[in-house]
Full PDB file with SEQRES, HELIX, SHEET, SSBOND, CRYST1, ORIGX, SCALE, CONECT and MASTER records, all heavy atoms in Angstrom:
SEQRES   1 A   29  GLN ALA PHE GLN ALA ALA GLN GLN ALA PHE VAL GLN LEU          
SEQRES   2 A   29  GLU ASP ALA TYR GLN GLN LEU ASP GLU GLN SER PRO ASP          
SEQRES   3 A   29  TYR GLY HIS                                                  
HELIX    1 AA1 ALA A    2  GLN A   18  1                                  17    
CRYST1    1.000    1.000    1.000  90.00  90.00  90.00 P 1           1          
ORIGX1      1.000000  0.000000  0.000000        0.00000                         
ORIGX2      0.000000  1.000000  0.000000        0.00000                         
ORIGX3      0.000000  0.000000  1.000000        0.00000                         
SCALE1      1.000000  0.000000  0.000000        0.00000                         
SCALE2      0.000000  1.000000  0.000000        0.00000                         
SCALE3      0.000000  0.000000  1.000000        0.00000                         
ATOM      1  N   GLN A   1      22.170  18.682   2.207  1.00  0.00           N  
ATOM      2  CA  GLN A   1      22.502  19.392   3.486  1.00  0.00           C  
ATOM      3  C   GLN A   1      21.826  20.704   3.634  1.00  0.00           C  
ATOM      4  O   GLN A   1      21.314  21.056   4.745  1.00  0.00           O  
ATOM      5  CB  GLN A   1      24.008  19.514   3.737  1.00  0.00           C  
ATOM      6  CG  GLN A   1      24.598  18.136   3.979  1.00  0.00           C  
ATOM      7  CD  GLN A   1      26.193  18.207   4.051  1.00  0.00           C  
ATOM      8  OE1 GLN A   1      26.759  19.113   3.554  1.00  0.00           O  
ATOM      9  NE2 GLN A   1      26.824  17.267   4.653  1.00  0.00           N  
ATOM     10  N   ALA A   2      21.919  21.521   2.606  1.00  0.00           N  
ATOM     11  CA  ALA A   2      21.314  22.857   2.689  1.00  0.00           C  
ATOM     12  C   ALA A   2      19.777  22.700   2.786  1.00  0.00           C  
ATOM     13  O   ALA A   2      19.194  23.477   3.573  1.00  0.00           O  
ATOM     14  CB  ALA A   2      21.576  23.609   1.309  1.00  0.00           C  
ATOM     15  N   PHE A   3      19.175  21.754   2.170  1.00  0.00           N  
ATOM     16  CA  PHE A   3      17.705  21.561   2.251  1.00  0.00           C  
ATOM     17  C   PHE A   3      17.345  21.149   3.669  1.00  0.00           C  
ATOM     18  O   PHE A   3      16.401  21.632   4.312  1.00  0.00           O  
ATOM     19  CB  PHE A   3      17.213  20.545   1.218  1.00  0.00           C  
ATOM     20  CG  PHE A   3      15.770  20.308   1.265  1.00  0.00           C  
ATOM     21  CD1 PHE A   3      14.884  21.342   0.815  1.00  0.00           C  
ATOM     22  CD2 PHE A   3      15.272  19.244   1.923  1.00  0.00           C  
ATOM     23  CE1 PHE A   3      13.439  21.126   0.926  1.00  0.00           C  
ATOM     24  CE2 PHE A   3      13.824  18.994   1.978  1.00  0.00           C  
ATOM     25  CZ  PHE A   3      13.017  19.969   1.514  1.00  0.00           C  
ATOM     26  N   GLN A   4      18.129  20.192   4.257  1.00  0.00           N  
ATOM     27  CA  GLN A   4      17.855  19.688   5.572  1.00  0.00           C  
ATOM     28  C   GLN A   4      18.017  20.799   6.569  1.00  0.00           C  
ATOM     29  O   GLN A   4      17.293  20.854   7.556  1.00  0.00           O  
ATOM     30  CB  GLN A   4      18.728  18.546   5.890  1.00  0.00           C  
ATOM     31  CG  GLN A   4      18.390  17.227   5.134  1.00  0.00           C  
ATOM     32  CD  GLN A   4      19.285  16.066   5.358  1.00  0.00           C  
ATOM     33  OE1 GLN A   4      20.418  16.257   5.795  1.00  0.00           O  
ATOM     34  NE2 GLN A   4      18.856  14.879   5.031  1.00  0.00           N  
ATOM     35  N   ALA A   5      19.049  21.702   6.315  1.00  0.00           N  
ATOM     36  CA  ALA A   5      19.182  22.785   7.341  1.00  0.00           C  
ATOM     37  C   ALA A   5      17.996  23.695   7.320  1.00  0.00           C  
ATOM     38  O   ALA A   5      17.520  24.213   8.338  1.00  0.00           O  
ATOM     39  CB  ALA A   5      20.480  23.582   6.941  1.00  0.00           C  
ATOM     40  N   ALA A   6      17.502  23.985   6.056  1.00  0.00           N  
ATOM     41  CA  ALA A   6      16.248  24.786   5.875  1.00  0.00           C  
ATOM     42  C   ALA A   6      15.066  24.144   6.546  1.00  0.00           C  
ATOM     43  O   ALA A   6      14.248  24.832   7.250  1.00  0.00           O  
ATOM     44  CB  ALA A   6      15.911  25.057   4.465  1.00  0.00           C  
ATOM     45  N   GLN A   7      14.930  22.853   6.410  1.00  0.00           N  
ATOM     46  CA  GLN A   7      13.806  22.071   7.010  1.00  0.00           C  
ATOM     47  C   GLN A   7      13.956  22.183   8.530  1.00  0.00           C  
ATOM     48  O   GLN A   7      12.908  22.470   9.161  1.00  0.00           O  
ATOM     49  CB  GLN A   7      13.944  20.647   6.572  1.00  0.00           C  
ATOM     50  CG  GLN A   7      12.697  19.955   6.291  1.00  0.00           C  
ATOM     51  CD  GLN A   7      13.041  18.526   5.686  1.00  0.00           C  
ATOM     52  OE1 GLN A   7      14.131  17.991   5.655  1.00  0.00           O  
ATOM     53  NE2 GLN A   7      11.957  17.979   5.057  1.00  0.00           N  
ATOM     54  N   GLN A   8      15.098  22.032   9.059  1.00  0.00           N  
ATOM     55  CA  GLN A   8      15.265  21.961  10.547  1.00  0.00           C  
ATOM     56  C   GLN A   8      15.012  23.444  11.048  1.00  0.00           C  
ATOM     57  O   GLN A   8      14.389  23.590  12.157  1.00  0.00           O  
ATOM     58  CB  GLN A   8      16.695  21.647  10.856  1.00  0.00           C  
ATOM     59  CG  GLN A   8      16.988  21.593  12.371  1.00  0.00           C  
ATOM     60  CD  GLN A   8      18.388  21.193  12.704  1.00  0.00           C  
ATOM     61  OE1 GLN A   8      19.220  20.868  11.792  1.00  0.00           O  
ATOM     62  NE2 GLN A   8      18.675  21.089  13.918  1.00  0.00           N  
ATOM     63  N   ALA A   9      15.491  24.447  10.303  1.00  0.00           N  
ATOM     64  CA  ALA A   9      15.170  25.865  10.769  1.00  0.00           C  
ATOM     65  C   ALA A   9      13.704  26.103  10.821  1.00  0.00           C  
ATOM     66  O   ALA A   9      13.180  26.773  11.746  1.00  0.00           O  
ATOM     67  CB  ALA A   9      15.945  26.827   9.880  1.00  0.00           C  
ATOM     68  N   PHE A  10      13.020  25.625   9.799  1.00  0.00           N  
ATOM     69  CA  PHE A  10      11.530  25.816   9.785  1.00  0.00           C  
ATOM     70  C   PHE A  10      10.839  25.099  10.934  1.00  0.00           C  
ATOM     71  O   PHE A  10       9.956  25.676  11.552  1.00  0.00           O  
ATOM     72  CB  PHE A  10      11.026  25.322   8.441  1.00  0.00           C  
ATOM     73  CG  PHE A  10       9.549  25.658   8.290  1.00  0.00           C  
ATOM     74  CD1 PHE A  10       9.124  26.857   8.027  1.00  0.00           C  
ATOM     75  CD2 PHE A  10       8.601  24.579   8.408  1.00  0.00           C  
ATOM     76  CE1 PHE A  10       7.720  27.147   7.868  1.00  0.00           C  
ATOM     77  CE2 PHE A  10       7.301  24.846   8.358  1.00  0.00           C  
ATOM     78  CZ  PHE A  10       6.782  26.114   8.010  1.00  0.00           C  
ATOM     79  N   VAL A  11      11.245  23.853  11.213  1.00  0.00           N  
ATOM     80  CA  VAL A  11      10.656  23.128  12.387  1.00  0.00           C  
ATOM     81  C   VAL A  11      10.981  23.841  13.647  1.00  0.00           C  
ATOM     82  O   VAL A  11      10.038  23.992  14.500  1.00  0.00           O  
ATOM     83  CB  VAL A  11      11.237  21.668  12.349  1.00  0.00           C  
ATOM     84  CG1 VAL A  11      10.885  20.980  13.631  1.00  0.00           C  
ATOM     85  CG2 VAL A  11      10.666  20.929  11.195  1.00  0.00           C  
ATOM     86  N   GLN A  12      12.147  24.328  13.888  1.00  0.00           N  
ATOM     87  CA  GLN A  12      12.488  25.109  15.064  1.00  0.00           C  
ATOM     88  C   GLN A  12      11.628  26.356  15.241  1.00  0.00           C  
ATOM     89  O   GLN A  12      11.156  26.693  16.288  1.00  0.00           O  
ATOM     90  CB  GLN A  12      13.999  25.417  15.120  1.00  0.00           C  
ATOM     91  CG  GLN A  12      14.852  24.251  15.340  1.00  0.00           C  
ATOM     92  CD  GLN A  12      16.343  24.606  15.263  1.00  0.00           C  
ATOM     93  OE1 GLN A  12      16.754  25.427  14.509  1.00  0.00           O  
ATOM     94  NE2 GLN A  12      17.120  23.845  16.047  1.00  0.00           N  
ATOM     95  N   LEU A  13      11.419  27.012  14.091  1.00  0.00           N  
ATOM     96  CA  LEU A  13      10.553  28.222  14.136  1.00  0.00           C  
ATOM     97  C   LEU A  13       9.145  27.817  14.529  1.00  0.00           C  
ATOM     98  O   LEU A  13       8.574  28.486  15.366  1.00  0.00           O  
ATOM     99  CB  LEU A  13      10.487  28.879  12.753  1.00  0.00           C  
ATOM    100  CG  LEU A  13       9.499  29.967  12.588  1.00  0.00           C  
ATOM    101  CD1 LEU A  13       9.676  31.094  13.559  1.00  0.00           C  
ATOM    102  CD2 LEU A  13       9.580  30.479  11.148  1.00  0.00           C  
ATOM    103  N   GLU A  14       8.552  26.746  13.931  1.00  0.00           N  
ATOM    104  CA  GLU A  14       7.264  26.301  14.239  1.00  0.00           C  
ATOM    105  C   GLU A  14       7.123  25.965  15.742  1.00  0.00           C  
ATOM    106  O   GLU A  14       6.174  26.347  16.396  1.00  0.00           O  
ATOM    107  CB  GLU A  14       6.834  25.099  13.404  1.00  0.00           C  
ATOM    108  CG  GLU A  14       6.487  25.371  12.017  1.00  0.00           C  
ATOM    109  CD  GLU A  14       5.881  24.179  11.300  1.00  0.00           C  
ATOM    110  OE1 GLU A  14       6.441  23.100  11.443  1.00  0.00           O  
ATOM    111  OE2 GLU A  14       4.898  24.311  10.594  1.00  0.00           O  
ATOM    112  N   ASP A  15       8.177  25.271  16.224  1.00  0.00           N  
ATOM    113  CA  ASP A  15       8.094  24.944  17.689  1.00  0.00           C  
ATOM    114  C   ASP A  15       8.143  26.140  18.586  1.00  0.00           C  
ATOM    115  O   ASP A  15       7.308  26.232  19.434  1.00  0.00           O  
ATOM    116  CB  ASP A  15       9.403  24.070  18.008  1.00  0.00           C  
ATOM    117  CG  ASP A  15       9.316  22.666  17.487  1.00  0.00           C  
ATOM    118  OD1 ASP A  15       8.213  22.291  17.087  1.00  0.00           O  
ATOM    119  OD2 ASP A  15      10.312  22.001  17.503  1.00  0.00           O  
ATOM    120  N   ALA A  16       8.962  27.162  18.232  1.00  0.00           N  
ATOM    121  CA  ALA A  16       9.018  28.354  19.029  1.00  0.00           C  
ATOM    122  C   ALA A  16       7.631  29.132  18.878  1.00  0.00           C  
ATOM    123  O   ALA A  16       7.142  29.649  19.960  1.00  0.00           O  
ATOM    124  CB  ALA A  16      10.123  29.258  18.528  1.00  0.00           C  
ATOM    125  N   TYR A  17       7.041  29.113  17.745  1.00  0.00           N  
ATOM    126  CA  TYR A  17       5.803  29.893  17.479  1.00  0.00           C  
ATOM    127  C   TYR A  17       4.700  29.160  18.298  1.00  0.00           C  
ATOM    128  O   TYR A  17       3.832  29.814  18.922  1.00  0.00           O  
ATOM    129  CB  TYR A  17       5.466  29.862  16.045  1.00  0.00           C  
ATOM    130  CG  TYR A  17       4.245  30.619  15.672  1.00  0.00           C  
ATOM    131  CD1 TYR A  17       4.286  32.062  15.741  1.00  0.00           C  
ATOM    132  CD2 TYR A  17       3.024  29.992  15.454  1.00  0.00           C  
ATOM    133  CE1 TYR A  17       3.056  32.778  15.474  1.00  0.00           C  
ATOM    134  CE2 TYR A  17       1.943  30.705  15.180  1.00  0.00           C  
ATOM    135  CZ  TYR A  17       1.920  32.116  15.175  1.00  0.00           C  
ATOM    136  OH  TYR A  17       0.735  32.803  14.964  1.00  0.00           O  
ATOM    137  N   GLN A  18       4.630  27.855  18.311  1.00  0.00           N  
ATOM    138  CA  GLN A  18       3.667  27.126  19.052  1.00  0.00           C  
ATOM    139  C   GLN A  18       3.670  27.270  20.524  1.00  0.00           C  
ATOM    140  O   GLN A  18       2.747  27.075  21.294  1.00  0.00           O  
ATOM    141  CB  GLN A  18       3.621  25.664  18.621  1.00  0.00           C  
ATOM    142  CG  GLN A  18       3.171  25.432  17.193  1.00  0.00           C  
ATOM    143  CD  GLN A  18       3.319  23.994  16.703  1.00  0.00           C  
ATOM    144  OE1 GLN A  18       3.861  23.147  17.443  1.00  0.00           O  
ATOM    145  NE2 GLN A  18       2.905  23.759  15.523  1.00  0.00           N  
ATOM    146  N   GLN A  19       4.859  27.597  20.995  1.00  0.00           N  
ATOM    147  CA  GLN A  19       5.044  27.741  22.463  1.00  0.00           C  
ATOM    148  C   GLN A  19       4.710  29.165  22.935  1.00  0.00           C  
ATOM    149  O   GLN A  19       4.720  29.402  24.179  1.00  0.00           O  
ATOM    150  CB  GLN A  19       6.552  27.388  22.844  1.00  0.00           C  
ATOM    151  CG  GLN A  19       6.877  25.915  22.668  1.00  0.00           C  
ATOM    152  CD  GLN A  19       8.292  25.631  22.942  1.00  0.00           C  
ATOM    153  OE1 GLN A  19       8.999  26.404  23.573  1.00  0.00           O  
ATOM    154  NE2 GLN A  19       8.747  24.515  22.667  1.00  0.00           N  
ATOM    155  N   LEU A  20       4.400  30.016  21.963  1.00  0.00           N  
ATOM    156  CA  LEU A  20       3.971  31.406  22.433  1.00  0.00           C  
ATOM    157  C   LEU A  20       2.737  31.321  23.290  1.00  0.00           C  
ATOM    158  O   LEU A  20       1.749  30.671  22.953  1.00  0.00           O  
ATOM    159  CB  LEU A  20       3.632  32.234  21.240  1.00  0.00           C  
ATOM    160  CG  LEU A  20       4.851  32.895  20.496  1.00  0.00           C  
ATOM    161  CD1 LEU A  20       4.311  33.673  19.210  1.00  0.00           C  
ATOM    162  CD2 LEU A  20       5.609  33.837  21.382  1.00  0.00           C  
ATOM    163  N   ASP A  21       2.819  32.046  24.441  1.00  0.00           N  
ATOM    164  CA  ASP A  21       1.683  32.027  25.405  1.00  0.00           C  
ATOM    165  C   ASP A  21       1.553  33.450  25.857  1.00  0.00           C  
ATOM    166  O   ASP A  21       2.345  33.921  26.677  1.00  0.00           O  
ATOM    167  CB  ASP A  21       1.937  31.040  26.564  1.00  0.00           C  
ATOM    168  CG  ASP A  21       0.793  31.076  27.622  1.00  0.00           C  
ATOM    169  OD1 ASP A  21      -0.274  31.737  27.337  1.00  0.00           O  
ATOM    170  OD2 ASP A  21       0.981  30.458  28.618  1.00  0.00           O  
ATOM    171  N   GLU A  22       0.547  34.136  25.381  1.00  0.00           N  
ATOM    172  CA  GLU A  22       0.270  35.596  25.764  1.00  0.00           C  
ATOM    173  C   GLU A  22       0.119  35.768  27.281  1.00  0.00           C  
ATOM    174  O   GLU A  22       0.335  36.809  27.736  1.00  0.00           O  
ATOM    175  CB  GLU A  22      -0.872  36.159  24.968  1.00  0.00           C  
ATOM    176  CG  GLU A  22      -0.612  36.251  23.511  1.00  0.00           C  
ATOM    177  CD  GLU A  22      -1.806  36.874  22.773  1.00  0.00           C  
ATOM    178  OE1 GLU A  22      -2.781  37.383  23.392  1.00  0.00           O  
ATOM    179  OE2 GLU A  22      -1.829  36.747  21.515  1.00  0.00           O  
ATOM    180  N   GLN A  23      -0.257  34.703  27.949  1.00  0.00           N  
ATOM    181  CA  GLN A  23      -0.537  34.839  29.393  1.00  0.00           C  
ATOM    182  C   GLN A  23       0.757  34.581  30.233  1.00  0.00           C  
ATOM    183  O   GLN A  23       0.800  34.828  31.403  1.00  0.00           O  
ATOM    184  CB  GLN A  23      -1.612  33.804  29.796  1.00  0.00           C  
ATOM    185  CG  GLN A  23      -2.870  33.933  29.059  1.00  0.00           C  
ATOM    186  CD  GLN A  23      -3.534  35.293  29.213  1.00  0.00           C  
ATOM    187  OE1 GLN A  23      -3.561  35.905  30.207  1.00  0.00           O  
ATOM    188  NE2 GLN A  23      -4.001  35.787  28.033  1.00  0.00           N  
ATOM    189  N   SER A  24       1.813  34.132  29.570  1.00  0.00           N  
ATOM    190  CA  SER A  24       3.062  33.795  30.311  1.00  0.00           C  
ATOM    191  C   SER A  24       3.826  35.034  30.605  1.00  0.00           C  
ATOM    192  O   SER A  24       3.868  35.998  29.826  1.00  0.00           O  
ATOM    193  CB  SER A  24       3.841  32.875  29.345  1.00  0.00           C  
ATOM    194  OG  SER A  24       5.136  32.682  29.909  1.00  0.00           O  
ATOM    195  N   PRO A  25       4.410  35.037  31.796  1.00  0.00           N  
ATOM    196  CA  PRO A  25       5.286  36.192  32.147  1.00  0.00           C  
ATOM    197  C   PRO A  25       6.584  36.251  31.250  1.00  0.00           C  
ATOM    198  O   PRO A  25       7.232  37.258  31.144  1.00  0.00           O  
ATOM    199  CB  PRO A  25       5.751  35.925  33.581  1.00  0.00           C  
ATOM    200  CG  PRO A  25       5.299  34.537  33.885  1.00  0.00           C  
ATOM    201  CD  PRO A  25       4.314  34.039  32.886  1.00  0.00           C  
ATOM    202  N   ASP A  26       6.819  35.142  30.564  1.00  0.00           N  
ATOM    203  CA  ASP A  26       7.938  35.099  29.626  1.00  0.00           C  
ATOM    204  C   ASP A  26       7.566  35.417  28.177  1.00  0.00           C  
ATOM    205  O   ASP A  26       8.350  35.176  27.280  1.00  0.00           O  
ATOM    206  CB  ASP A  26       8.617  33.652  29.592  1.00  0.00           C  
ATOM    207  CG  ASP A  26       9.309  33.353  30.957  1.00  0.00           C  
ATOM    208  OD1 ASP A  26       9.738  34.325  31.620  1.00  0.00           O  
ATOM    209  OD2 ASP A  26       9.379  32.164  31.346  1.00  0.00           O  
ATOM    210  N   TYR A  27       6.410  35.964  27.973  1.00  0.00           N  
ATOM    211  CA  TYR A  27       5.882  36.176  26.602  1.00  0.00           C  
ATOM    212  C   TYR A  27       6.833  37.008  25.813  1.00  0.00           C  
ATOM    213  O   TYR A  27       7.120  36.751  24.645  1.00  0.00           O  
ATOM    214  CB  TYR A  27       4.426  36.866  26.660  1.00  0.00           C  
ATOM    215  CG  TYR A  27       3.893  37.063  25.280  1.00  0.00           C  
ATOM    216  CD1 TYR A  27       3.543  35.949  24.547  1.00  0.00           C  
ATOM    217  CD2 TYR A  27       3.714  38.297  24.768  1.00  0.00           C  
ATOM    218  CE1 TYR A  27       2.975  36.188  23.262  1.00  0.00           C  
ATOM    219  CE2 TYR A  27       3.226  38.491  23.526  1.00  0.00           C  
ATOM    220  CZ  TYR A  27       2.834  37.388  22.721  1.00  0.00           C  
ATOM    221  OH  TYR A  27       2.278  37.639  21.501  1.00  0.00           O  
ATOM    222  N   GLY A  28       7.450  38.062  26.426  1.00  0.00           N  
ATOM    223  CA  GLY A  28       8.374  38.877  25.663  1.00  0.00           C  
ATOM    224  C   GLY A  28       9.565  38.170  25.221  1.00  0.00           C  
ATOM    225  O   GLY A  28      10.038  38.250  24.061  1.00  0.00           O  
ATOM    226  N   HIS A  29      10.172  37.307  26.124  1.00  0.00           N  
ATOM    227  CA  HIS A  29      11.205  36.425  25.725  1.00  0.00           C  
ATOM    228  C   HIS A  29      10.791  35.447  24.663  1.00  0.00           C  
ATOM    229  O   HIS A  29      11.617  35.283  23.638  1.00  0.00           O  
ATOM    230  CB  HIS A  29      11.731  35.654  27.028  1.00  0.00           C  
ATOM    231  CG  HIS A  29      12.843  34.812  26.676  1.00  0.00           C  
ATOM    232  ND1 HIS A  29      14.130  35.224  26.368  1.00  0.00           N  
ATOM    233  CD2 HIS A  29      12.897  33.420  26.695  1.00  0.00           C  
ATOM    234  CE1 HIS A  29      14.905  34.157  26.147  1.00  0.00           C  
ATOM    235  NE2 HIS A  29      14.234  33.065  26.348  1.00  0.00           N  
TER     236      HIS A  29                                                      
MASTER        0    0    0    1    0    0    0    6  235    1    0    3          
END                                                                             
């Protein structure tokens, strides 16, 4: 369970990072 939580947290981080768009008005958020 601990490992799966770490795996999930890493995937969520990757998703958030890949959605970064410097041209977006929501870039700060």
